[in-house]
Amino acid sequence: MTRLLLTASEAAEALAISRSKLYQLLHAGALVSVLISGSHRIPLSALHDYINHLTDKEAAA
């Protein structure tokens, strides 16, 4: 079964960024997460949305 939610560490690794940068993106609202028992979980769809936003932004420049 494919996991639908990633931990912050897993999401950071998937995006090839540091965990602290991932938390900066979360707090800035650039990346969506859900809280489960006080822990951030990032939906796979949120990673795809973030990447699409970055590529759209690059294409517009």
PDB file of N, CA and C in Angstrom:
ATOM      1  N   MET A   1       0.844  -1.179   0.000  1.00  0.00           N
ATOM      2  CA  MET A   1       0.000   0.000   0.000  1.00  0.00           C
ATOM      3  C   MET A   1       0.889   1.242   0.000  1.00  0.00           C
ATOM      4  N   THR A   2       0.535   2.202  -0.819  1.00  0.00           N
ATOM      5  CA  THR A   2       1.258   3.468  -0.890  1.00  0.00           C
ATOM      6  C   THR A   2       0.853   4.347   0.290  1.00  0.00           C
ATOM      7  N   ARG A   3       1.848   4.898   0.960  1.00  0.00           N
ATOM      8  CA  ARG A   3       1.568   5.801   2.075  1.00  0.00           C
ATOM      9  C   ARG A   3       1.057   7.123   1.540  1.00  0.00           C
ATOM     10  N   LEU A   4       0.048   7.648   2.190  1.00  0.00           N
ATOM     11  CA  LEU A   4      -0.554   8.910   1.772  1.00  0.00           C
ATOM     12  C   LEU A   4       0.018  10.103   2.517  1.00  0.00           C
ATOM     13  N   LEU A   5       0.572   9.861   3.697  1.00  0.00           N
ATOM     14  CA  LEU A   5       1.145  10.919   4.529  1.00  0.00           C
ATOM     15  C   LEU A   5       2.599  10.596   4.840  1.00  0.00           C
ATOM     16  N   LEU A   6       3.421  11.634   4.839  1.00  0.00           N
ATOM     17  CA  LEU A   6       4.838  11.494   5.158  1.00  0.00           C
ATOM     18  C   LEU A   6       5.177  12.284   6.408  1.00  0.00           C
ATOM     19  N   THR A   7       6.173  11.822   7.132  1.00  0.00           N
ATOM     20  CA  THR A   7       6.694  12.610   8.248  1.00  0.00           C
ATOM     21  C   THR A   7       7.473  13.791   7.663  1.00  0.00           C
ATOM     22  N   ALA A   8       7.800  14.739   8.512  1.00  0.00           N
ATOM     23  CA  ALA A   8       8.572  15.894   8.056  1.00  0.00           C
ATOM     24  C   ALA A   8       9.920  15.458   7.496  1.00  0.00           C
ATOM     25  N   SER A   9      10.559  14.511   8.141  1.00  0.00           N
ATOM     26  CA  SER A   9      11.855  14.020   7.661  1.00  0.00           C
ATOM     27  C   SER A   9      11.730  13.350   6.300  1.00  0.00           C
ATOM     28  N   GLU A  10      10.691  12.548   6.129  1.00  0.00           N
ATOM     29  CA  GLU A  10      10.478  11.870   4.850  1.00  0.00           C
ATOM     30  C   GLU A  10      10.153  12.861   3.744  1.00  0.00           C
ATOM     31  N   ALA A  11       9.332  13.851   4.046  1.00  0.00           N
ATOM     32  CA  ALA A  11       8.982  14.863   3.052  1.00  0.00           C
ATOM     33  C   ALA A  11      10.203  15.692   2.673  1.00  0.00           C
ATOM     34  N   ALA A  12      11.011  16.049   3.653  1.00  0.00           N
ATOM     35  CA  ALA A  12      12.238  16.812   3.377  1.00  0.00           C
ATOM     36  C   ALA A  12      13.166  16.009   2.475  1.00  0.00           C
ATOM     37  N   GLU A  13      13.305  14.728   2.773  1.00  0.00           N
ATOM     38  CA  GLU A  13      14.151  13.874   1.945  1.00  0.00           C
ATOM     39  C   GLU A  13      13.600  13.779   0.524  1.00  0.00           C
ATOM     40  N   ALA A  14      12.292  13.646   0.387  1.00  0.00           N
ATOM     41  CA  ALA A  14      11.671  13.552  -0.931  1.00  0.00           C
ATOM     42  C   ALA A  14      11.904  14.821  -1.748  1.00  0.00           C
ATOM     43  N   LEU A  15      11.938  15.977  -1.083  1.00  0.00           N
ATOM     44  CA  LEU A  15      12.163  17.256  -1.766  1.00  0.00           C
ATOM     45  C   LEU A  15      13.640  17.627  -1.854  1.00  0.00           C
ATOM     46  N   ALA A  16      14.493  16.810  -1.251  1.00  0.00           N
ATOM     47  CA  ALA A  16      15.944  17.056  -1.230  1.00  0.00           C
ATOM     48  C   ALA A  16      16.273  18.390  -0.555  1.00  0.00           C
ATOM     49  N   ILE A  17      15.587  18.643   0.568  1.00  0.00           N
ATOM     50  CA  ILE A  17      15.859  19.839   1.367  1.00  0.00           C
ATOM     51  C   ILE A  17      16.054  19.405   2.825  1.00  0.00           C
ATOM     52  N   SER A  18      16.520  20.323   3.642  1.00  0.00           N
ATOM     53  CA  SER A  18      16.701  20.008   5.059  1.00  0.00           C
ATOM     54  C   SER A  18      15.357  20.031   5.781  1.00  0.00           C
ATOM     55  N   ARG A  19      15.318  19.391   6.938  1.00  0.00           N
ATOM     56  CA  ARG A  19      14.101  19.389   7.741  1.00  0.00           C
ATOM     57  C   ARG A  19      13.757  20.797   8.195  1.00  0.00           C
ATOM     58  N   SER A  20      14.764  21.590   8.528  1.00  0.00           N
ATOM     59  CA  SER A  20      14.487  22.962   8.976  1.00  0.00           C
ATOM     60  C   SER A  20      13.897  23.794   7.840  1.00  0.00           C
ATOM     61  N   LYS A  21      14.356  23.589   6.605  1.00  0.00           N
ATOM     62  CA  LYS A  21      13.775  24.290   5.455  1.00  0.00           C
ATOM     63  C   LYS A  21      12.336  23.840   5.247  1.00  0.00           C
ATOM     64  N   LEU A  22      12.056  22.552   5.435  1.00  0.00           N
ATOM     65  CA  LEU A  22      10.694  22.052   5.304  1.00  0.00           C
ATOM     66  C   LEU A  22       9.789  22.738   6.314  1.00  0.00           C
ATOM     67  N   TYR A  23      10.237  22.858   7.560  1.00  0.00           N
ATOM     68  CA  TYR A  23       9.426  23.530   8.577  1.00  0.00           C
ATOM     69  C   TYR A  23       9.229  25.009   8.244  1.00  0.00           C
ATOM     70  N   GLN A  24      10.221  25.650   7.638  1.00  0.00           N
ATOM     71  CA  GLN A  24      10.054  27.035   7.198  1.00  0.00           C
ATOM     72  C   GLN A  24       8.938  27.127   6.156  1.00  0.00           C
ATOM     73  N   LEU A  25       8.917  26.190   5.223  1.00  0.00           N
ATOM     74  CA  LEU A  25       7.870  26.168   4.202  1.00  0.00           C
ATOM     75  C   LEU A  25       6.500  25.929   4.820  1.00  0.00           C
ATOM     76  N   LEU A  26       6.431  25.046   5.814  1.00  0.00           N
ATOM     77  CA  LEU A  26       5.168  24.775   6.501  1.00  0.00           C
ATOM     78  C   LEU A  26       4.661  26.022   7.205  1.00  0.00           C
ATOM     79  N   HIS A  27       5.536  26.682   7.937  1.00  0.00           N
ATOM     80  CA  HIS A  27       5.131  27.864   8.705  1.00  0.00           C
ATOM     81  C   HIS A  27       4.797  29.057   7.811  1.00  0.00           C
ATOM     82  N   ALA A  28       5.391  29.097   6.619  1.00  0.00           N
ATOM     83  CA  ALA A  28       5.092  30.171   5.667  1.00  0.00           C
ATOM     84  C   ALA A  28       3.809  29.889   4.888  1.00  0.00           C
ATOM     85  N   GLY A  29       3.279  28.673   5.013  1.00  0.00           N
ATOM     86  CA  GLY A  29       2.071  28.312   4.283  1.00  0.00           C
ATOM     87  C   GLY A  29       2.328  27.867   2.854  1.00  0.00           C
ATOM     88  N   ALA A  30       3.596  27.702   2.497  1.00  0.00           N
ATOM     89  CA  ALA A  30       3.938  27.275   1.144  1.00  0.00           C
ATOM     90  C   ALA A  30       3.712  25.784   0.944  1.00  0.00           C
ATOM     91  N   LEU A  31       3.669  25.052   2.032  1.00  0.00           N
ATOM     92  CA  LEU A  31       3.468  23.608   1.994  1.00  0.00           C
ATOM     93  C   LEU A  31       2.413  23.260   3.030  1.00  0.00           C
ATOM     94  N   VAL A  32       1.460  22.441   2.642  1.00  0.00           N
ATOM     95  CA  VAL A  32       0.334  22.088   3.502  1.00  0.00           C
ATOM     96  C   VAL A  32       0.667  20.841   4.309  1.00  0.00           C
ATOM     97  N   SER A  33       0.216  20.824   5.561  1.00  0.00           N
ATOM     98  CA  SER A  33       0.376  19.629   6.388  1.00  0.00           C
ATOM     99  C   SER A  33      -0.863  19.457   7.255  1.00  0.00           C
ATOM    100  N   VAL A  34      -0.959  18.302   7.859  1.00  0.00           N
ATOM    101  CA  VAL A  34      -1.992  18.034   8.852  1.00  0.00           C
ATOM    102  C   VAL A  34      -1.288  17.673  10.146  1.00  0.00           C
ATOM    103  N   LEU A  35      -1.955  17.941  11.255  1.00  0.00           N
ATOM    104  CA  LEU A  35      -1.399  17.576  12.551  1.00  0.00           C
ATOM    105  C   LEU A  35      -2.111  16.327  13.057  1.00  0.00           C
ATOM    106  N   ILE A  36      -1.343  15.330  13.398  1.00  0.00           N
ATOM    107  CA  ILE A  36      -1.871  14.117  13.996  1.00  0.00           C
ATOM    108  C   ILE A  36      -1.119  13.919  15.304  1.00  0.00           C
ATOM    109  N   SER A  37      -1.843  14.022  16.397  1.00  0.00           N
ATOM    110  CA  SER A  37      -1.250  13.901  17.736  1.00  0.00           C
ATOM    111  C   SER A  37      -0.058  14.832  17.909  1.00  0.00           C
ATOM    112  N   GLY A  38      -0.175  16.039  17.364  1.00  0.00           N
ATOM    113  CA  GLY A  38       0.869  17.051  17.516  1.00  0.00           C
ATOM    114  C   GLY A  38       2.034  16.922  16.558  1.00  0.00           C
ATOM    115  N   SER A  39       1.990  15.948  15.657  1.00  0.00           N
ATOM    116  CA  SER A  39       3.072  15.752  14.690  1.00  0.00           C
ATOM    117  C   SER A  39       2.589  16.123  13.294  1.00  0.00           C
ATOM    118  N   HIS A  40       3.420  16.871  12.592  1.00  0.00           N
ATOM    119  CA  HIS A  40       3.089  17.232  11.216  1.00  0.00           C
ATOM    120  C   HIS A  40       3.187  16.002  10.330  1.00  0.00           C
ATOM    121  N   ARG A  41       2.193  15.850   9.467  1.00  0.00           N
ATOM    122  CA  ARG A  41       2.222  14.844   8.411  1.00  0.00           C
ATOM    123  C   ARG A  41       1.898  15.570   7.122  1.00  0.00           C
ATOM    124  N   ILE A  42       2.692  15.305   6.102  1.00  0.00           N
ATOM    125  CA  ILE A  42       2.548  16.019   4.845  1.00  0.00           C
ATOM    126  C   ILE A  42       1.959  15.059   3.807  1.00  0.00           C
ATOM    127  N   PRO A  43       0.802  15.406   3.250  1.00  0.00           N
ATOM    128  CA  PRO A  43       0.210  14.559   2.215  1.00  0.00           C
ATOM    129  C   PRO A  43       1.080  14.550   0.958  1.00  0.00           C
ATOM    130  N   LEU A  44       1.127  13.405   0.293  1.00  0.00           N
ATOM    131  CA  LEU A  44       1.867  13.330  -0.968  1.00  0.00           C
ATOM    132  C   LEU A  44       1.368  14.374  -1.954  1.00  0.00           C
ATOM    133  N   SER A  45       0.063  14.591  -1.964  1.00  0.00           N
ATOM    134  CA  SER A  45      -0.508  15.577  -2.885  1.00  0.00           C
ATOM    135  C   SER A  45       0.040  16.982  -2.621  1.00  0.00           C
ATOM    136  N   ALA A  46       0.359  17.291  -1.361  1.00  0.00           N
ATOM    137  CA  ALA A  46       0.918  18.606  -1.026  1.00  0.00           C
ATOM    138  C   ALA A  46       2.308  18.777  -1.630  1.00  0.00           C
ATOM    139  N   LEU A  47       3.086  17.693  -1.662  1.00  0.00           N
ATOM    140  CA  LEU A  47       4.408  17.768  -2.291  1.00  0.00           C
ATOM    141  C   LEU A  47       4.271  18.023  -3.787  1.00  0.00           C
ATOM    142  N   HIS A  48       3.335  17.320  -4.423  1.00  0.00           N
ATOM    143  CA  HIS A  48       3.101  17.525  -5.856  1.00  0.00           C
ATOM    144  C   HIS A  48       2.612  18.941  -6.131  1.00  0.00           C
ATOM    145  N   ASP A  49       1.717  19.448  -5.293  1.00  0.00           N
ATOM    146  CA  ASP A  49       1.209  20.814  -5.461  1.00  0.00           C
ATOM    147  C   ASP A  49       2.338  21.830  -5.334  1.00  0.00           C
ATOM    148  N   TYR A  50       3.202  21.628  -4.346  1.00  0.00           N
ATOM    149  CA  TYR A  50       4.321  22.548  -4.131  1.00  0.00           C
ATOM    150  C   TYR A  50       5.270  22.539  -5.333  1.00  0.00           C
ATOM    151  N   ILE A  51       5.592  21.359  -5.825  1.00  0.00           N
ATOM    152  CA  ILE A  51       6.480  21.250  -6.989  1.00  0.00           C
ATOM    153  C   ILE A  51       5.842  21.889  -8.215  1.00  0.00           C
ATOM    154  N   ASN A  52       4.547  21.637  -8.416  1.00  0.00           N
ATOM    155  CA  ASN A  52       3.849  22.257  -9.549  1.00  0.00           C
ATOM    156  C   ASN A  52       3.874  23.769  -9.450  1.00  0.00           C
ATOM    157  N   HIS A  53       3.688  24.293  -8.238  1.00  0.00           N
ATOM    158  CA  HIS A  53       3.740  25.751  -8.025  1.00  0.00           C
ATOM    159  C   HIS A  53       5.115  26.284  -8.407  1.00  0.00           C
ATOM    160  N   LEU A  54       6.165  25.586  -7.998  1.00  0.00           N
ATOM    161  CA  LEU A  54       7.530  26.029  -8.322  1.00  0.00           C
ATOM    162  C   LEU A  54       7.780  26.004  -9.819  1.00  0.00           C
ATOM    163  N   THR A  55       7.335  24.949 -10.484  1.00  0.00           N
ATOM    164  CA  THR A  55       7.574  24.860 -11.928  1.00  0.00           C
ATOM    165  C   THR A  55       6.744  25.868 -12.699  1.00  0.00           C
ATOM    166  N   ASP A  56       5.508  26.131 -12.240  1.00  0.00           N
ATOM    167  CA  ASP A  56       4.689  27.162 -12.882  1.00  0.00           C
ATOM    168  C   ASP A  56       5.328  28.530 -12.729  1.00  0.00           C
ATOM    169  N   LYS A  57       5.874  28.777 -11.543  1.00  0.00           N
ATOM    170  CA  LYS A  57       6.528  30.053 -11.258  1.00  0.00           C
ATOM    171  C   LYS A  57       7.757  30.238 -12.159  1.00  0.00           C
ATOM    172  N   GLU A  58       8.525  29.158 -12.351  1.00  0.00           N
ATOM    173  CA  GLU A  58       9.702  29.213 -13.211  1.00  0.00           C
ATOM    174  C   GLU A  58       9.303  29.451 -14.668  1.00  0.00           C
ATOM    175  N   ALA A  59       8.223  28.790 -15.095  1.00  0.00           N
ATOM    176  CA  ALA A  59       7.784  28.931 -16.482  1.00  0.00           C
ATOM    177  C   ALA A  59       7.297  30.341 -16.769  1.00  0.00           C
ATOM    178  N   ALA A  60       6.711  30.992 -15.765  1.00  0.00           N
ATOM    179  CA  ALA A  60       6.193  32.343 -15.938  1.00  0.00           C
ATOM    180  C   ALA A  60       7.310  33.393 -15.957  1.00  0.00           C
ATOM    181  N   ALA A  61       8.455  33.043 -15.414  1.00  0.00           N
ATOM    182  CA  ALA A  61       9.562  34.017 -15.315  1.00  0.00           C
ATOM    183  C   ALA A  61      10.294  34.207 -16.615  1.00  0.00           C
TER     184      ALA A  61
END
